[in-house]
Amino acid sequence: MAHPVLLTLSALAGALAGYGAATLYHRARDRHRAAAVRLLHHAQDRDVAALRRRLADRTVAEDVLTAATDTVDAAYARTIRHIQEGGTP
């Protein structure tokens, strides 16, 4: 039968080894989780930037359409005014 001191020391060594293994596991898990969060944030930032570019392109297109519509409206108004003043279309 083993001496009680040896049993106590082996139990403490086992507990210390278990604590060390758990600490290593949790640190690795935290590192992997942090890396995953960084990847997700990067992907979200990339998606937001793409959406902002699309919105800017759409805004430019709407501005061009507004300017074209204003030009056509002004030409139509001039034509109508000319006809009302007795001119030919």
PDB file of N, CA and C in Angstrom:
ATOM      1  N   MET A   1       0.848  -1.168   0.000  1.00  0.00           N
ATOM      2  CA  MET A   1       0.000   0.000   0.000  1.00  0.00           C
ATOM      3  C   MET A   1       0.894   1.231   0.000  1.00  0.00           C
ATOM      4  N   ALA A   2       0.458   2.230  -0.767  1.00  0.00           N
ATOM      5  CA  ALA A   2       1.267   3.436  -0.917  1.00  0.00           C
ATOM      6  C   ALA A   2       1.153   4.298   0.324  1.00  0.00           C
ATOM      7  N   HIS A   3       2.184   5.031   0.529  1.00  0.00           N
ATOM      8  CA  HIS A   3       2.233   5.941   1.670  1.00  0.00           C
ATOM      9  C   HIS A   3       1.227   7.067   1.438  1.00  0.00           C
ATOM     10  N   PRO A   4       0.543   7.570   2.503  1.00  0.00           N
ATOM     11  CA  PRO A   4      -0.459   8.629   2.348  1.00  0.00           C
ATOM     12  C   PRO A   4       0.127   9.912   1.748  1.00  0.00           C
ATOM     13  N   VAL A   5       1.372  10.190   2.015  1.00  0.00           N
ATOM     14  CA  VAL A   5       1.985  11.403   1.455  1.00  0.00           C
ATOM     15  C   VAL A   5       2.113  11.256  -0.062  1.00  0.00           C
ATOM     16  N   LEU A   6       2.491  10.066  -0.521  1.00  0.00           N
ATOM     17  CA  LEU A   6       2.600   9.827  -1.961  1.00  0.00           C
ATOM     18  C   LEU A   6       1.238   9.907  -2.635  1.00  0.00           C
ATOM     19  N   LEU A   7       0.214   9.399  -1.972  1.00  0.00           N
ATOM     20  CA  LEU A   7      -1.135   9.506  -2.529  1.00  0.00           C
ATOM     21  C   LEU A   7      -1.573  10.962  -2.621  1.00  0.00           C
ATOM     22  N   THR A   8      -1.278  11.737  -1.597  1.00  0.00           N
ATOM     23  CA  THR A   8      -1.632  13.152  -1.578  1.00  0.00           C
ATOM     24  C   THR A   8      -0.876  13.891  -2.677  1.00  0.00           C
ATOM     25  N   LEU A   9       0.426  13.615  -2.806  1.00  0.00           N
ATOM     26  CA  LEU A   9       1.222  14.281  -3.841  1.00  0.00           C
ATOM     27  C   LEU A   9       0.743  13.898  -5.241  1.00  0.00           C
ATOM     28  N   SER A  10       0.393  12.649  -5.447  1.00  0.00           N
ATOM     29  CA  SER A  10      -0.080  12.232  -6.769  1.00  0.00           C
ATOM     30  C   SER A  10      -1.449  12.864  -7.069  1.00  0.00           C
ATOM     31  N   ALA A  11      -2.288  12.999  -6.067  1.00  0.00           N
ATOM     32  CA  ALA A  11      -3.586  13.653  -6.261  1.00  0.00           C
ATOM     33  C   ALA A  11      -3.392  15.128  -6.595  1.00  0.00           C
ATOM     34  N   LEU A  12      -2.464  15.796  -5.887  1.00  0.00           N
ATOM     35  CA  LEU A  12      -2.180  17.206  -6.173  1.00  0.00           C
ATOM     36  C   LEU A  12      -1.577  17.363  -7.572  1.00  0.00           C
ATOM     37  N   ALA A  13      -0.692  16.465  -7.960  1.00  0.00           N
ATOM     38  CA  ALA A  13      -0.098  16.523  -9.298  1.00  0.00           C
ATOM     39  C   ALA A  13      -1.174  16.318 -10.365  1.00  0.00           C
ATOM     40  N   GLY A  14      -2.096  15.406 -10.122  1.00  0.00           N
ATOM     41  CA  GLY A  14      -3.196  15.184 -11.069  1.00  0.00           C
ATOM     42  C   GLY A  14      -4.096  16.405 -11.180  1.00  0.00           C
ATOM     43  N   ALA A  15      -4.395  17.015 -10.025  1.00  0.00           N
ATOM     44  CA  ALA A  15      -5.232  18.215 -10.031  1.00  0.00           C
ATOM     45  C   ALA A  15      -4.522  19.343 -10.767  1.00  0.00           C
ATOM     46  N   LEU A  16      -3.221  19.505 -10.540  1.00  0.00           N
ATOM     47  CA  LEU A  16      -2.450  20.554 -11.208  1.00  0.00           C
ATOM     48  C   LEU A  16      -2.396  20.299 -12.718  1.00  0.00           C
ATOM     49  N   ALA A  17      -2.207  19.066 -13.114  1.00  0.00           N
ATOM     50  CA  ALA A  17      -2.187  18.726 -14.536  1.00  0.00           C
ATOM     51  C   ALA A  17      -3.547  19.001 -15.170  1.00  0.00           C
ATOM     52  N   GLY A  18      -4.618  18.662 -14.485  1.00  0.00           N
ATOM     53  CA  GLY A  18      -5.964  18.935 -14.991  1.00  0.00           C
ATOM     54  C   GLY A  18      -6.217  20.423 -15.116  1.00  0.00           C
ATOM     55  N   TYR A  19      -5.775  21.187 -14.125  1.00  0.00           N
ATOM     56  CA  TYR A  19      -5.930  22.644 -14.168  1.00  0.00           C
ATOM     57  C   TYR A  19      -5.151  23.215 -15.358  1.00  0.00           C
ATOM     58  N   GLY A  20      -3.914  22.739 -15.548  1.00  0.00           N
ATOM     59  CA  GLY A  20      -3.096  23.214 -16.667  1.00  0.00           C
ATOM     60  C   GLY A  20      -3.729  22.888 -18.007  1.00  0.00           C
ATOM     61  N   ALA A  21      -4.248  21.684 -18.143  1.00  0.00           N
ATOM     62  CA  ALA A  21      -4.895  21.283 -19.394  1.00  0.00           C
ATOM     63  C   ALA A  21      -6.142  22.119 -19.652  1.00  0.00           C
ATOM     64  N   ALA A  22      -6.929  22.354 -18.607  1.00  0.00           N
ATOM     65  CA  ALA A  22      -8.134  23.166 -18.761  1.00  0.00           C
ATOM     66  C   ALA A  22      -7.779  24.600 -19.132  1.00  0.00           C
ATOM     67  N   THR A  23      -6.718  25.125 -18.507  1.00  0.00           N
ATOM     68  CA  THR A  23      -6.281  26.485 -18.821  1.00  0.00           C
ATOM     69  C   THR A  23      -5.841  26.591 -20.275  1.00  0.00           C
ATOM     70  N   LEU A  24      -5.068  25.625 -20.741  1.00  0.00           N
ATOM     71  CA  LEU A  24      -4.635  25.630 -22.142  1.00  0.00           C
ATOM     72  C   LEU A  24      -5.825  25.529 -23.089  1.00  0.00           C
ATOM     73  N   TYR A  25      -6.779  24.681 -22.750  1.00  0.00           N
ATOM     74  CA  TYR A  25      -7.969  24.523 -23.587  1.00  0.00           C
ATOM     75  C   TYR A  25      -8.745  25.832 -23.672  1.00  0.00           C
ATOM     76  N   HIS A  26      -8.978  26.462 -22.515  1.00  0.00           N
ATOM     77  CA  HIS A  26      -9.774  27.697 -22.500  1.00  0.00           C
ATOM     78  C   HIS A  26      -9.055  28.834 -23.213  1.00  0.00           C
ATOM     79  N   ARG A  27      -7.747  28.912 -23.064  1.00  0.00           N
ATOM     80  CA  ARG A  27      -7.002  29.957 -23.776  1.00  0.00           C
ATOM     81  C   ARG A  27      -7.088  29.749 -25.284  1.00  0.00           C
ATOM     82  N   ALA A  28      -6.931  28.516 -25.720  1.00  0.00           N
ATOM     83  CA  ALA A  28      -7.024  28.220 -27.156  1.00  0.00           C
ATOM     84  C   ALA A  28      -8.436  28.524 -27.668  1.00  0.00           C
ATOM     85  N   ARG A  29      -9.446  28.145 -26.886  1.00  0.00           N
ATOM     86  CA  ARG A  29     -10.824  28.418 -27.280  1.00  0.00           C
ATOM     87  C   ARG A  29     -11.069  29.923 -27.389  1.00  0.00           C
ATOM     88  N   ASP A  30     -10.550  30.684 -26.418  1.00  0.00           N
ATOM     89  CA  ASP A  30     -10.714  32.139 -26.460  1.00  0.00           C
ATOM     90  C   ASP A  30      -9.999  32.753 -27.659  1.00  0.00           C
ATOM     91  N   ARG A  31      -8.805  32.241 -27.981  1.00  0.00           N
ATOM     92  CA  ARG A  31      -8.083  32.745 -29.155  1.00  0.00           C
ATOM     93  C   ARG A  31      -8.867  32.452 -30.425  1.00  0.00           C
ATOM     94  N   HIS A  32      -9.402  31.240 -30.544  1.00  0.00           N
ATOM     95  CA  HIS A  32     -10.170  30.876 -31.733  1.00  0.00           C
ATOM     96  C   HIS A  32     -11.456  31.690 -31.825  1.00  0.00           C
ATOM     97  N   ARG A  33     -12.077  31.905 -30.697  1.00  0.00           N
ATOM     98  CA  ARG A  33     -13.308  32.710 -30.684  1.00  0.00           C
ATOM     99  C   ARG A  33     -13.000  34.145 -31.093  1.00  0.00           C
ATOM    100  N   ALA A  34     -11.896  34.695 -30.575  1.00  0.00           N
ATOM    101  CA  ALA A  34     -11.516  36.065 -30.932  1.00  0.00           C
ATOM    102  C   ALA A  34     -11.193  36.159 -32.424  1.00  0.00           C
ATOM    103  N   ALA A  35     -10.524  35.148 -32.958  1.00  0.00           N
ATOM    104  CA  ALA A  35     -10.218  35.150 -34.390  1.00  0.00           C
ATOM    105  C   ALA A  35     -11.505  35.085 -35.207  1.00  0.00           C
ATOM    106  N   ALA A  36     -12.452  34.273 -34.788  1.00  0.00           N
ATOM    107  CA  ALA A  36     -13.733  34.169 -35.500  1.00  0.00           C
ATOM    108  C   ALA A  36     -14.487  35.491 -35.459  1.00  0.00           C
ATOM    109  N   VAL A  37     -14.464  36.147 -34.320  1.00  0.00           N
ATOM    110  CA  VAL A  37     -15.142  37.444 -34.200  1.00  0.00           C
ATOM    111  C   VAL A  37     -14.479  38.466 -35.115  1.00  0.00           C
ATOM    112  N   ARG A  38     -13.140  38.461 -35.174  1.00  0.00           N
ATOM    113  CA  ARG A  38     -12.438  39.384 -36.065  1.00  0.00           C
ATOM    114  C   ARG A  38     -12.813  39.125 -37.519  1.00  0.00           C
ATOM    115  N   LEU A  39     -12.889  37.855 -37.899  1.00  0.00           N
ATOM    116  CA  LEU A  39     -13.274  37.520 -39.272  1.00  0.00           C
ATOM    117  C   LEU A  39     -14.696  37.981 -39.580  1.00  0.00           C
ATOM    118  N   LEU A  40     -15.601  37.771 -38.620  1.00  0.00           N
ATOM    119  CA  LEU A  40     -16.982  38.212 -38.824  1.00  0.00           C
ATOM    120  C   LEU A  40     -17.064  39.731 -38.947  1.00  0.00           C
ATOM    121  N   HIS A  41     -16.350  40.445 -38.096  1.00  0.00           N
ATOM    122  CA  HIS A  41     -16.369  41.908 -38.155  1.00  0.00           C
ATOM    123  C   HIS A  41     -15.796  42.386 -39.488  1.00  0.00           C
ATOM    124  N   HIS A  42     -14.733  41.732 -39.952  1.00  0.00           N
ATOM    125  CA  HIS A  42     -14.141  42.120 -41.232  1.00  0.00           C
ATOM    126  C   HIS A  42     -15.146  41.883 -42.370  1.00  0.00           C
ATOM    127  N   ALA A  43     -15.824  40.753 -42.326  1.00  0.00           N
ATOM    128  CA  ALA A  43     -16.821  40.455 -43.360  1.00  0.00           C
ATOM    129  C   ALA A  43     -17.966  41.460 -43.308  1.00  0.00           C
ATOM    130  N   GLN A  44     -18.394  41.817 -42.115  1.00  0.00           N
ATOM    131  CA  GLN A  44     -19.476  42.794 -41.977  1.00  0.00           C
ATOM    132  C   GLN A  44     -19.022  44.162 -42.472  1.00  0.00           C
ATOM    133  N   ASP A  45     -17.792  44.553 -42.140  1.00  0.00           N
ATOM    134  CA  ASP A  45     -17.271  45.837 -42.622  1.00  0.00           C
ATOM    135  C   ASP A  45     -17.214  45.850 -44.148  1.00  0.00           C
ATOM    136  N   ARG A  46     -16.795  44.728 -44.739  1.00  0.00           N
ATOM    137  CA  ARG A  46     -16.722  44.624 -46.194  1.00  0.00           C
ATOM    138  C   ARG A  46     -18.123  44.724 -46.797  1.00  0.00           C
ATOM    139  N   ASP A  47     -19.106  44.073 -46.183  1.00  0.00           N
ATOM    140  CA  ASP A  47     -20.484  44.130 -46.687  1.00  0.00           C
ATOM    141  C   ASP A  47     -21.060  45.532 -46.578  1.00  0.00           C
ATOM    142  N   VAL A  48     -20.784  46.200 -45.472  1.00  0.00           N
ATOM    143  CA  VAL A  48     -21.277  47.571 -45.283  1.00  0.00           C
ATOM    144  C   VAL A  48     -20.644  48.497 -46.315  1.00  0.00           C
ATOM    145  N   ALA A  49     -19.352  48.331 -46.566  1.00  0.00           N
ATOM    146  CA  ALA A  49     -18.689  49.162 -47.572  1.00  0.00           C
ATOM    147  C   ALA A  49     -19.289  48.927 -48.953  1.00  0.00           C
ATOM    148  N   ALA A  50     -19.594  47.678 -49.277  1.00  0.00           N
ATOM    149  CA  ALA A  50     -20.209  47.368 -50.569  1.00  0.00           C
ATOM    150  C   ALA A  50     -21.594  48.004 -50.672  1.00  0.00           C
ATOM    151  N   LEU A  51     -22.357  47.937 -49.594  1.00  0.00           N
ATOM    152  CA  LEU A  51     -23.687  48.562 -49.600  1.00  0.00           C
ATOM    153  C   LEU A  51     -23.585  50.076 -49.742  1.00  0.00           C
ATOM    154  N   ARG A  52     -22.595  50.668 -49.086  1.00  0.00           N
ATOM    155  CA  ARG A  52     -22.415  52.123 -49.214  1.00  0.00           C
ATOM    156  C   ARG A  52     -22.044  52.500 -50.648  1.00  0.00           C
ATOM    157  N   ARG A  53     -21.194  51.685 -51.294  1.00  0.00           N
ATOM    158  CA  ARG A  53     -20.847  51.955 -52.695  1.00  0.00           C
ATOM    159  C   ARG A  53     -22.076  51.848 -53.589  1.00  0.00           C
ATOM    160  N   ARG A  54     -22.890  50.814 -53.370  1.00  0.00           N
ATOM    161  CA  ARG A  54     -24.103  50.663 -54.175  1.00  0.00           C
ATOM    162  C   ARG A  54     -25.058  51.825 -53.957  1.00  0.00           C
ATOM    163  N   LEU A  55     -25.171  52.280 -52.715  1.00  0.00           N
ATOM    164  CA  LEU A  55     -26.044  53.415 -52.416  1.00  0.00           C
ATOM    165  C   LEU A  55     -25.526  54.678 -53.091  1.00  0.00           C
ATOM    166  N   ALA A  56     -24.205  54.874 -53.059  1.00  0.00           N
ATOM    167  CA  ALA A  56     -23.632  56.044 -53.723  1.00  0.00           C
ATOM    168  C   ALA A  56     -23.873  55.981 -55.223  1.00  0.00           C
ATOM    169  N   ASP A  57     -23.714  54.795 -55.821  1.00  0.00           N
ATOM    170  CA  ASP A  57     -23.972  54.645 -57.258  1.00  0.00           C
ATOM    171  C   ASP A  57     -25.435  54.931 -57.576  1.00  0.00           C
ATOM    172  N   ARG A  58     -26.313  54.433 -56.729  1.00  0.00           N
ATOM    173  CA  ARG A  58     -27.745  54.669 -56.951  1.00  0.00           C
ATOM    174  C   ARG A  58     -28.074  56.150 -56.801  1.00  0.00           C
ATOM    175  N   THR A  59     -27.446  56.815 -55.842  1.00  0.00           N
ATOM    176  CA  THR A  59     -27.686  58.248 -55.639  1.00  0.00           C
ATOM    177  C   THR A  59     -27.226  59.031 -56.859  1.00  0.00           C
ATOM    178  N   VAL A  60     -26.068  58.670 -57.407  1.00  0.00           N
ATOM    179  CA  VAL A  60     -25.570  59.342 -58.608  1.00  0.00           C
ATOM    180  C   VAL A  60     -26.534  59.116 -59.760  1.00  0.00           C
ATOM    181  N   ALA A  61     -27.016  57.896 -59.913  1.00  0.00           N
ATOM    182  CA  ALA A  61     -27.965  57.596 -60.985  1.00  0.00           C
ATOM    183  C   ALA A  61     -29.250  58.403 -60.811  1.00  0.00           C
ATOM    184  N   GLU A  62     -29.720  58.513 -59.590  1.00  0.00           N
ATOM    185  CA  GLU A  62     -30.935  59.301 -59.338  1.00  0.00           C
ATOM    186  C   GLU A  62     -30.694  60.777 -59.637  1.00  0.00           C
ATOM    187  N   ASP A  63     -29.510  61.276 -59.313  1.00  0.00           N
ATOM    188  CA  ASP A  63     -29.193  62.670 -59.629  1.00  0.00           C
ATOM    189  C   ASP A  63     -29.174  62.901 -61.132  1.00  0.00           C
ATOM    190  N   VAL A  64     -28.616  61.953 -61.887  1.00  0.00           N
ATOM    191  CA  VAL A  64     -28.584  62.076 -63.350  1.00  0.00           C
ATOM    192  C   VAL A  64     -30.006  62.044 -63.901  1.00  0.00           C
ATOM    193  N   LEU A  65     -30.829  61.136 -63.395  1.00  0.00           N
ATOM    194  CA  LEU A  65     -32.217  61.069 -63.862  1.00  0.00           C
ATOM    195  C   LEU A  65     -32.987  62.338 -63.509  1.00  0.00           C
ATOM    196  N   THR A  66     -32.726  62.883 -62.344  1.00  0.00           N
ATOM    197  CA  THR A  66     -33.396  64.127 -61.941  1.00  0.00           C
ATOM    198  C   THR A  66     -32.998  65.269 -62.865  1.00  0.00           C
ATOM    199  N   ALA A  67     -31.710  65.358 -63.171  1.00  0.00           N
ATOM    200  CA  ALA A  67     -31.247  66.414 -64.075  1.00  0.00           C
ATOM    201  C   ALA A  67     -31.853  66.234 -65.468  1.00  0.00           C
ATOM    202  N   ALA A  68     -31.913  65.002 -65.960  1.00  0.00           N
ATOM    203  CA  ALA A  68     -32.505  64.751 -67.277  1.00  0.00           C
ATOM    204  C   ALA A  68     -33.988  65.086 -67.282  1.00  0.00           C
ATOM    205  N   THR A  69     -34.681  64.727 -66.229  1.00  0.00           N
ATOM    206  CA  THR A  69     -36.107  65.034 -66.117  1.00  0.00           C
ATOM    207  C   THR A  69     -36.330  66.541 -66.079  1.00  0.00           C
ATOM    208  N   ASP A  70     -35.495  67.245 -65.335  1.00  0.00           N
ATOM    209  CA  ASP A  70     -35.615  68.710 -65.279  1.00  0.00           C
ATOM    210  C   ASP A  70     -35.397  69.323 -66.659  1.00  0.00           C
ATOM    211  N   THR A  71     -34.440  68.782 -67.410  1.00  0.00           N
ATOM    212  CA  THR A  71     -34.166  69.295 -68.755  1.00  0.00           C
ATOM    213  C   THR A  71     -35.356  69.053 -69.677  1.00  0.00           C
ATOM    214  N   VAL A  72     -35.912  67.857 -69.626  1.00  0.00           N
ATOM    215  CA  VAL A  72     -37.081  67.539 -70.466  1.00  0.00           C
ATOM    216  C   VAL A  72     -38.275  68.396 -70.049  1.00  0.00           C
ATOM    217  N   ASP A  73     -38.492  68.565 -68.753  1.00  0.00           N
ATOM    218  CA  ASP A  73     -39.602  69.396 -68.276  1.00  0.00           C
ATOM    219  C   ASP A  73     -39.450  70.839 -68.735  1.00  0.00           C
ATOM    220  N   ALA A  74     -38.236  71.352 -68.677  1.00  0.00           N
ATOM    221  CA  ALA A  74     -38.001  72.737 -69.107  1.00  0.00           C
ATOM    222  C   ALA A  74     -38.247  72.872 -70.608  1.00  0.00           C
ATOM    223  N   ALA A  75     -37.787  71.896 -71.388  1.00  0.00           N
ATOM    224  CA  ALA A  75     -38.008  71.944 -72.836  1.00  0.00           C
ATOM    225  C   ALA A  75     -39.495  71.849 -73.153  1.00  0.00           C
ATOM    226  N   TYR A  76     -40.198  70.987 -72.441  1.00  0.00           N
ATOM    227  CA  TYR A  76     -41.650  70.851 -72.643  1.00  0.00           C
ATOM    228  C   TYR A  76     -42.366  72.149 -72.285  1.00  0.00           C
ATOM    229  N   ALA A  77     -41.960  72.760 -71.178  1.00  0.00           N
ATOM    230  CA  ALA A  77     -42.588  74.024 -70.768  1.00  0.00           C
ATOM    231  C   ALA A  77     -42.337  75.112 -71.816  1.00  0.00           C
ATOM    232  N   ARG A  78     -41.116  75.165 -72.359  1.00  0.00           N
ATOM    233  CA  ARG A  78     -40.830  76.160 -73.399  1.00  0.00           C
ATOM    234  C   ARG A  78     -41.687  75.905 -74.636  1.00  0.00           C
ATOM    235  N   THR A  79     -41.845  74.637 -75.011  1.00  0.00           N
ATOM    236  CA  THR A  79     -42.657  74.302 -76.174  1.00  0.00           C
ATOM    237  C   THR A  79     -44.114  74.687 -75.951  1.00  0.00           C
ATOM    238  N   ILE A  80     -44.643  74.369 -74.798  1.00  0.00           N
ATOM    239  CA  ILE A  80     -46.037  74.715 -74.477  1.00  0.00           C
ATOM    240  C   ILE A  80     -46.215  76.233 -74.481  1.00  0.00           C
ATOM    241  N   ARG A  81     -45.282  76.945 -73.887  1.00  0.00           N
ATOM    242  CA  ARG A  81     -45.365  78.410 -73.856  1.00  0.00           C
ATOM    243  C   ARG A  81     -45.341  78.972 -75.289  1.00  0.00           C
ATOM    244  N   HIS A  82     -44.468  78.399 -76.113  1.00  0.00           N
ATOM    245  CA  HIS A  82     -44.358  78.839 -77.499  1.00  0.00           C
ATOM    246  C   HIS A  82     -45.665  78.612 -78.253  1.00  0.00           C
ATOM    247  N   ILE A  83     -46.288  77.429 -78.004  1.00  0.00           N
ATOM    248  CA  ILE A  83     -47.567  77.120 -78.669  1.00  0.00           C
ATOM    249  C   ILE A  83     -48.651  78.052 -78.175  1.00  0.00           C
ATOM    250  N   GLN A  84     -48.680  78.349 -76.867  1.00  0.00           N
ATOM    251  CA  GLN A  84     -49.697  79.222 -76.311  1.00  0.00           C
ATOM    252  C   GLN A  84     -49.560  80.661 -76.819  1.00  0.00           C
ATOM    253  N   GLU A  85     -48.333  81.035 -77.201  1.00  0.00           N
ATOM    254  CA  GLU A  85     -48.112  82.375 -77.714  1.00  0.00           C
ATOM    255  C   GLU A  85     -48.431  82.451 -79.207  1.00  0.00           C
ATOM    256  N   GLY A  86     -48.874  81.322 -79.763  1.00  0.00           N
ATOM    257  CA  GLY A  86     -49.291  81.341 -81.168  1.00  0.00           C
ATOM    258  C   GLY A  86     -48.261  80.740 -82.093  1.00  0.00           C
ATOM    259  N   GLY A  87     -47.222  80.176 -81.595  1.00  0.00           N
ATOM    260  CA  GLY A  87     -46.200  79.570 -82.455  1.00  0.00           C
ATOM    261  C   GLY A  87     -46.596  78.169 -82.860  1.00  0.00           C
ATOM    262  N   THR A  88     -45.825  77.623 -83.736  1.00  0.00           N
ATOM    263  CA  THR A  88     -46.066  76.253 -84.169  1.00  0.00           C
ATOM    264  C   THR A  88     -45.126  75.328 -83.405  1.00  0.00           C
ATOM    265  N   PRO A  89     -45.583  74.117 -83.158  1.00  0.00           N
ATOM    266  CA  PRO A  89     -44.742  73.204 -82.361  1.00  0.00           C
ATOM    267  C   PRO A  89     -43.465  72.786 -83.034  1.00  0.00           C
TER     268      PRO A  89
END
